């Protein structure tokens, strides 16, 4: 009679390596697809105007149209361009001062 321990194969109760954690099944892929918005809606949202609280709803004849608020990125770009212009002007002034100084030195010798 064969040994019982040889006949019995222990069951492997450990989960397989590629096992997924228990939980609800993932949603179908069709639920993850977002609807595309028409370009018109985005443009309208970007072109919104903030009017002052005391301004009338309808502009009078000869009145200036309300100013549009610029997006933050536009303000940053304008600021950088301003810094660049200032740096160019400062460099010109510095160069001019340097040249004037050397011209004076040469004329004194």
N, C-alpha and C. Protein backbone atom coordinates (compact mmCIF):
# COMPACT_ATOMS: atom_id res chain seq x y z
N UNK A 1 0.85 -1.16 0.00
CA UNK A 1 0.00 0.00 0.00
C UNK A 1 0.90 1.24 0.00
N UNK A 2 0.66 2.15 -0.95
CA UNK A 2 1.52 3.33 -1.04
C UNK A 2 1.25 4.30 0.10
N UNK A 3 2.27 5.09 0.39
CA UNK A 3 2.11 6.09 1.45
C UNK A 3 1.08 7.13 1.04
N UNK A 4 0.32 7.58 2.01
CA UNK A 4 -0.69 8.59 1.72
C UNK A 4 -0.03 9.92 1.35
N UNK A 5 1.08 10.23 1.95
CA UNK A 5 1.73 11.50 1.68
C UNK A 5 2.22 11.59 0.24
N UNK A 6 2.51 10.46 -0.38
CA UNK A 6 2.95 10.48 -1.77
C UNK A 6 1.78 10.66 -2.72
N UNK A 7 0.62 10.17 -2.35
CA UNK A 7 -0.55 10.25 -3.23
C UNK A 7 -1.19 11.64 -3.21
N UNK A 8 -1.07 12.33 -2.11
CA UNK A 8 -1.78 13.61 -1.97
C UNK A 8 -0.87 14.74 -2.45
N UNK A 9 -1.37 15.51 -3.40
CA UNK A 9 -0.63 16.67 -3.90
C UNK A 9 -1.25 17.90 -3.23
N UNK A 10 -0.44 18.65 -2.50
CA UNK A 10 -1.02 19.82 -1.83
C UNK A 10 -1.45 20.87 -2.86
N UNK A 11 -2.58 21.50 -2.58
CA UNK A 11 -3.08 22.54 -3.49
C UNK A 11 -2.32 23.84 -3.26
N UNK A 12 -2.05 24.52 -4.33
CA UNK A 12 -1.37 25.81 -4.24
C UNK A 12 -2.43 26.88 -4.01
N UNK A 13 -2.42 27.47 -2.83
CA UNK A 13 -3.43 28.48 -2.49
C UNK A 13 -2.93 29.90 -2.72
N UNK A 14 -1.68 30.06 -3.11
CA UNK A 14 -1.17 31.41 -3.35
C UNK A 14 -1.73 31.92 -4.68
N UNK A 15 -2.01 33.23 -4.76
CA UNK A 15 -2.56 33.77 -6.00
C UNK A 15 -1.50 33.78 -7.10
N UNK A 16 -1.90 33.65 -8.33
CA UNK A 16 -0.93 33.72 -9.43
C UNK A 16 -0.29 35.11 -9.48
N UNK A 17 0.86 35.17 -10.13
CA UNK A 17 1.62 36.43 -10.16
C UNK A 17 0.86 37.56 -10.84
N UNK A 18 0.07 37.24 -11.84
CA UNK A 18 -0.65 38.28 -12.58
C UNK A 18 -2.08 38.46 -12.07
N UNK A 19 -2.35 38.04 -10.85
CA UNK A 19 -3.69 38.15 -10.31
C UNK A 19 -4.05 39.61 -10.05
N UNK A 20 -5.32 39.93 -10.24
CA UNK A 20 -5.83 41.28 -10.01
C UNK A 20 -6.47 41.32 -8.64
N UNK A 21 -6.28 42.42 -7.93
CA UNK A 21 -6.86 42.56 -6.60
C UNK A 21 -8.38 42.48 -6.70
N UNK A 22 -9.02 41.89 -5.70
CA UNK A 22 -10.48 41.78 -5.76
C UNK A 22 -11.12 43.16 -5.70
N UNK A 23 -12.21 43.30 -6.36
CA UNK A 23 -12.92 44.57 -6.39
C UNK A 23 -13.86 44.60 -7.57
N UNK A 24 -14.52 45.71 -7.77
CA UNK A 24 -15.45 45.79 -8.90
C UNK A 24 -14.69 45.77 -10.22
N UNK A 25 -15.29 45.24 -11.24
CA UNK A 25 -14.62 45.20 -12.54
C UNK A 25 -14.44 46.62 -13.08
N UNK A 26 -13.43 46.84 -13.89
CA UNK A 26 -13.23 48.18 -14.45
C UNK A 26 -14.39 48.56 -15.37
N UNK A 27 -14.67 49.85 -15.51
CA UNK A 27 -15.77 50.25 -16.37
C UNK A 27 -15.44 49.96 -17.82
N UNK A 28 -16.45 49.77 -18.63
CA UNK A 28 -16.19 49.52 -20.05
C UNK A 28 -15.48 50.73 -20.67
N UNK A 29 -14.74 50.49 -21.72
CA UNK A 29 -13.95 51.54 -22.36
C UNK A 29 -14.84 52.64 -22.91
N UNK A 30 -16.03 52.31 -23.34
CA UNK A 30 -16.90 53.34 -23.90
C UNK A 30 -17.26 54.41 -22.89
N UNK A 31 -17.23 54.10 -21.60
CA UNK A 31 -17.55 55.10 -20.58
C UNK A 31 -16.38 56.07 -20.36
N UNK A 32 -15.19 55.69 -20.74
CA UNK A 32 -14.02 56.53 -20.51
C UNK A 32 -13.81 57.57 -21.61
N UNK A 33 -14.49 57.41 -22.74
CA UNK A 33 -14.31 58.33 -23.85
C UNK A 33 -15.04 59.63 -23.54
N UNK A 34 -14.31 60.76 -23.65
CA UNK A 34 -14.91 62.06 -23.40
C UNK A 34 -15.50 62.62 -24.68
N UNK A 35 -16.58 63.36 -24.53
CA UNK A 35 -17.19 63.98 -25.70
C UNK A 35 -16.39 65.21 -26.09
N UNK A 36 -16.22 65.41 -27.38
CA UNK A 36 -15.48 66.57 -27.85
C UNK A 36 -16.40 67.78 -27.84
N UNK A 37 -15.87 68.91 -27.41
CA UNK A 37 -16.63 70.15 -27.38
C UNK A 37 -16.38 70.88 -28.70
N UNK A 38 -17.40 71.47 -29.28
CA UNK A 38 -17.17 72.26 -30.49
C UNK A 38 -16.28 73.45 -30.19
N UNK A 39 -15.52 73.86 -31.20
CA UNK A 39 -14.59 74.98 -31.02
C UNK A 39 -15.31 76.27 -30.67
N UNK A 40 -16.54 76.42 -31.13
CA UNK A 40 -17.28 77.66 -30.86
C UNK A 40 -17.44 77.90 -29.37
N UNK A 41 -17.69 76.84 -28.60
CA UNK A 41 -17.90 77.01 -27.17
C UNK A 41 -16.62 77.47 -26.49
N UNK A 42 -15.49 76.95 -26.91
CA UNK A 42 -14.22 77.35 -26.30
C UNK A 42 -13.91 78.81 -26.61
N UNK A 43 -14.16 79.22 -27.84
CA UNK A 43 -13.87 80.59 -28.24
C UNK A 43 -14.74 81.55 -27.44
N UNK A 44 -16.01 81.21 -27.26
CA UNK A 44 -16.90 82.07 -26.49
C UNK A 44 -16.40 82.20 -25.07
N UNK A 45 -15.94 81.10 -24.48
CA UNK A 45 -15.46 81.15 -23.11
C UNK A 45 -14.19 81.99 -23.02
N UNK A 46 -13.34 81.94 -24.02
CA UNK A 46 -12.10 82.69 -23.99
C UNK A 46 -12.33 84.18 -24.26
N UNK A 47 -13.43 84.50 -24.92
CA UNK A 47 -13.68 85.88 -25.27
C UNK A 47 -14.62 86.57 -24.28
N UNK A 48 -14.82 85.99 -23.12
CA UNK A 48 -15.71 86.60 -22.14
C UNK A 48 -15.10 87.91 -21.65
N UNK A 49 -15.97 88.86 -21.37
CA UNK A 49 -15.55 90.19 -20.95
C UNK A 49 -16.06 90.44 -19.55
N UNK A 50 -15.20 90.98 -18.69
CA UNK A 50 -15.61 91.33 -17.34
C UNK A 50 -15.91 92.83 -17.34
N UNK A 51 -17.18 93.16 -17.12
CA UNK A 51 -17.59 94.57 -17.13
C UNK A 51 -17.57 95.11 -15.71
N UNK A 52 -17.27 96.40 -15.54
CA UNK A 52 -17.32 96.99 -14.21
C UNK A 52 -18.74 96.91 -13.64
N UNK A 53 -18.85 96.90 -12.33
CA UNK A 53 -20.15 96.74 -11.69
C UNK A 53 -21.05 97.94 -11.93
N UNK A 54 -20.49 99.15 -12.03
CA UNK A 54 -21.32 100.34 -12.18
C UNK A 54 -21.58 100.69 -13.65
N UNK A 55 -21.08 99.93 -14.59
CA UNK A 55 -21.27 100.23 -16.00
C UNK A 55 -22.67 99.78 -16.43
N UNK A 56 -23.32 100.55 -17.30
CA UNK A 56 -24.64 100.13 -17.79
C UNK A 56 -24.50 98.93 -18.71
N UNK A 57 -25.58 98.19 -18.86
CA UNK A 57 -25.55 96.98 -19.68
C UNK A 57 -25.35 97.30 -21.15
N UNK A 58 -25.94 98.40 -21.63
CA UNK A 58 -25.79 98.75 -23.03
C UNK A 58 -24.85 99.94 -23.14
N UNK A 59 -23.85 99.85 -24.01
CA UNK A 59 -22.92 100.98 -24.15
C UNK A 59 -23.61 102.16 -24.83
N UNK A 60 -23.32 103.36 -24.36
CA UNK A 60 -23.87 104.56 -24.96
C UNK A 60 -23.10 104.88 -26.23
N UNK A 61 -23.69 105.69 -27.08
CA UNK A 61 -22.97 106.07 -28.30
C UNK A 61 -21.78 106.93 -27.91
N UNK A 62 -20.64 106.63 -28.45
CA UNK A 62 -19.43 107.36 -28.12
C UNK A 62 -18.69 106.80 -26.92
N UNK A 63 -19.30 105.87 -26.20
CA UNK A 63 -18.63 105.28 -25.04
C UNK A 63 -17.63 104.24 -25.52
N UNK A 64 -16.55 104.09 -24.78
CA UNK A 64 -15.54 103.11 -25.15
C UNK A 64 -16.04 101.71 -24.81
N UNK A 65 -15.73 100.74 -25.67
CA UNK A 65 -16.12 99.37 -25.33
C UNK A 65 -15.33 98.90 -24.12
N UNK A 66 -15.91 98.01 -23.31
CA UNK A 66 -15.19 97.54 -22.12
C UNK A 66 -13.93 96.79 -22.51
N UNK A 67 -12.89 96.93 -21.69
CA UNK A 67 -11.62 96.25 -21.97
C UNK A 67 -11.74 94.77 -21.67
N UNK A 68 -11.10 93.98 -22.49
CA UNK A 68 -11.07 92.53 -22.24
C UNK A 68 -9.93 92.22 -21.29
N UNK A 69 -10.16 91.31 -20.38
CA UNK A 69 -9.11 90.90 -19.46
C UNK A 69 -8.18 89.94 -20.20
N UNK A 70 -6.89 90.20 -20.12
CA UNK A 70 -5.92 89.37 -20.83
C UNK A 70 -5.64 88.11 -20.03
N UNK A 71 -5.45 86.98 -20.71
CA UNK A 71 -5.06 85.75 -20.00
C UNK A 71 -3.69 85.94 -19.34
N UNK A 72 -3.44 85.16 -18.33
CA UNK A 72 -2.20 85.29 -17.56
C UNK A 72 -0.97 85.07 -18.43
N UNK A 73 -1.04 84.14 -19.38
CA UNK A 73 0.12 83.85 -20.21
C UNK A 73 0.48 85.06 -21.07
N UNK A 74 -0.54 85.79 -21.55
CA UNK A 74 -0.28 86.98 -22.36
C UNK A 74 0.41 88.04 -21.51
N UNK A 75 -0.05 88.20 -20.27
CA UNK A 75 0.57 89.18 -19.38
C UNK A 75 2.03 88.82 -19.10
N UNK A 76 2.30 87.53 -18.91
CA UNK A 76 3.67 87.09 -18.66
C UNK A 76 4.57 87.35 -19.87
N UNK A 77 4.05 87.07 -21.05
CA UNK A 77 4.84 87.29 -22.27
C UNK A 77 5.13 88.77 -22.45
N UNK A 78 4.11 89.62 -22.22
CA UNK A 78 4.34 91.06 -22.35
C UNK A 78 5.38 91.54 -21.34
N UNK A 79 5.34 90.97 -20.15
CA UNK A 79 6.30 91.35 -19.12
C UNK A 79 7.72 90.95 -19.54
N UNK A 80 7.85 89.73 -20.09
CA UNK A 80 9.17 89.28 -20.54
C UNK A 80 9.69 90.14 -21.69
N UNK A 81 8.81 90.50 -22.61
CA UNK A 81 9.22 91.35 -23.72
C UNK A 81 9.66 92.71 -23.19
N UNK A 82 8.94 93.22 -22.20
CA UNK A 82 9.33 94.49 -21.59
C UNK A 82 10.69 94.41 -20.94
N UNK A 83 10.95 93.31 -20.23
CA UNK A 83 12.26 93.12 -19.61
C UNK A 83 13.35 93.07 -20.67
N UNK A 84 13.07 92.40 -21.77
CA UNK A 84 14.06 92.29 -22.84
C UNK A 84 14.38 93.66 -23.41
N UNK A 85 13.33 94.45 -23.67
CA UNK A 85 13.54 95.80 -24.19
C UNK A 85 14.37 96.63 -23.22
N UNK A 86 14.06 96.53 -21.93
CA UNK A 86 14.79 97.30 -20.92
C UNK A 86 16.25 96.85 -20.88
N UNK A 87 16.49 95.54 -20.99
CA UNK A 87 17.87 95.03 -20.97
C UNK A 87 18.63 95.53 -22.19
N UNK A 88 17.97 95.58 -23.34
CA UNK A 88 18.63 96.07 -24.56
C UNK A 88 18.99 97.54 -24.40
N UNK A 89 18.03 98.33 -23.87
CA UNK A 89 18.30 99.75 -23.67
C UNK A 89 19.42 99.95 -22.64
N UNK A 90 19.40 99.18 -21.56
CA UNK A 90 20.45 99.30 -20.55
C UNK A 90 21.81 98.94 -21.14
N UNK A 91 21.84 97.90 -21.98
CA UNK A 91 23.11 97.49 -22.59
C UNK A 91 23.62 98.59 -23.52
N UNK A 92 22.70 99.23 -24.26
CA UNK A 92 23.10 100.33 -25.14
C UNK A 92 23.68 101.48 -24.32
N UNK A 93 22.97 101.82 -23.24
CA UNK A 93 23.45 102.92 -22.39
C UNK A 93 24.82 102.58 -21.80
N UNK A 94 24.98 101.34 -21.36
CA UNK A 94 26.25 100.93 -20.76
C UNK A 94 27.37 100.98 -21.80
N UNK A 95 27.06 100.51 -23.01
CA UNK A 95 28.06 100.54 -24.08
C UNK A 95 28.42 101.98 -24.42
N UNK A 96 27.40 102.84 -24.52
CA UNK A 96 27.66 104.25 -24.83
C UNK A 96 28.52 104.89 -23.75
N UNK A 97 28.21 104.62 -22.49
CA UNK A 97 29.00 105.18 -21.39
C UNK A 97 30.44 104.67 -21.44
N UNK A 98 30.60 103.39 -21.76
CA UNK A 98 31.94 102.79 -21.86
C UNK A 98 32.74 103.47 -22.96
N UNK A 99 32.08 103.66 -24.11
CA UNK A 99 32.77 104.30 -25.24
C UNK A 99 33.12 105.75 -24.91
N UNK A 100 32.19 106.47 -24.28
CA UNK A 100 32.46 107.86 -23.91
C UNK A 100 33.63 107.95 -22.94
N UNK A 101 33.68 107.04 -21.98
CA UNK A 101 34.76 107.03 -21.01
C UNK A 101 36.11 106.82 -21.70
N UNK A 102 36.17 105.86 -22.62
CA UNK A 102 37.43 105.58 -23.31
C UNK A 102 37.82 106.70 -24.27
N UNK A 103 36.84 107.34 -24.87
CA UNK A 103 37.14 108.48 -25.74
C UNK A 103 37.74 109.61 -24.92
N UNK A 104 37.16 109.84 -23.73
CA UNK A 104 37.71 110.88 -22.84
C UNK A 104 39.13 110.54 -22.43
N UNK A 105 39.36 109.27 -22.10
CA UNK A 105 40.72 108.85 -21.69
C UNK A 105 41.71 109.05 -22.83
N UNK A 106 41.29 108.70 -24.04
CA UNK A 106 42.18 108.86 -25.19
C UNK A 106 42.45 110.34 -25.49
N UNK A 107 41.44 111.16 -25.30
CA UNK A 107 41.64 112.59 -25.59
C UNK A 107 42.51 113.26 -24.53
N UNK A 108 42.54 112.71 -23.32
CA UNK A 108 43.37 113.29 -22.26
C UNK A 108 44.84 112.91 -22.41
N UNK A 109 45.13 111.85 -23.10
CA UNK A 109 46.53 111.42 -23.21
C UNK A 109 47.23 112.03 -24.39
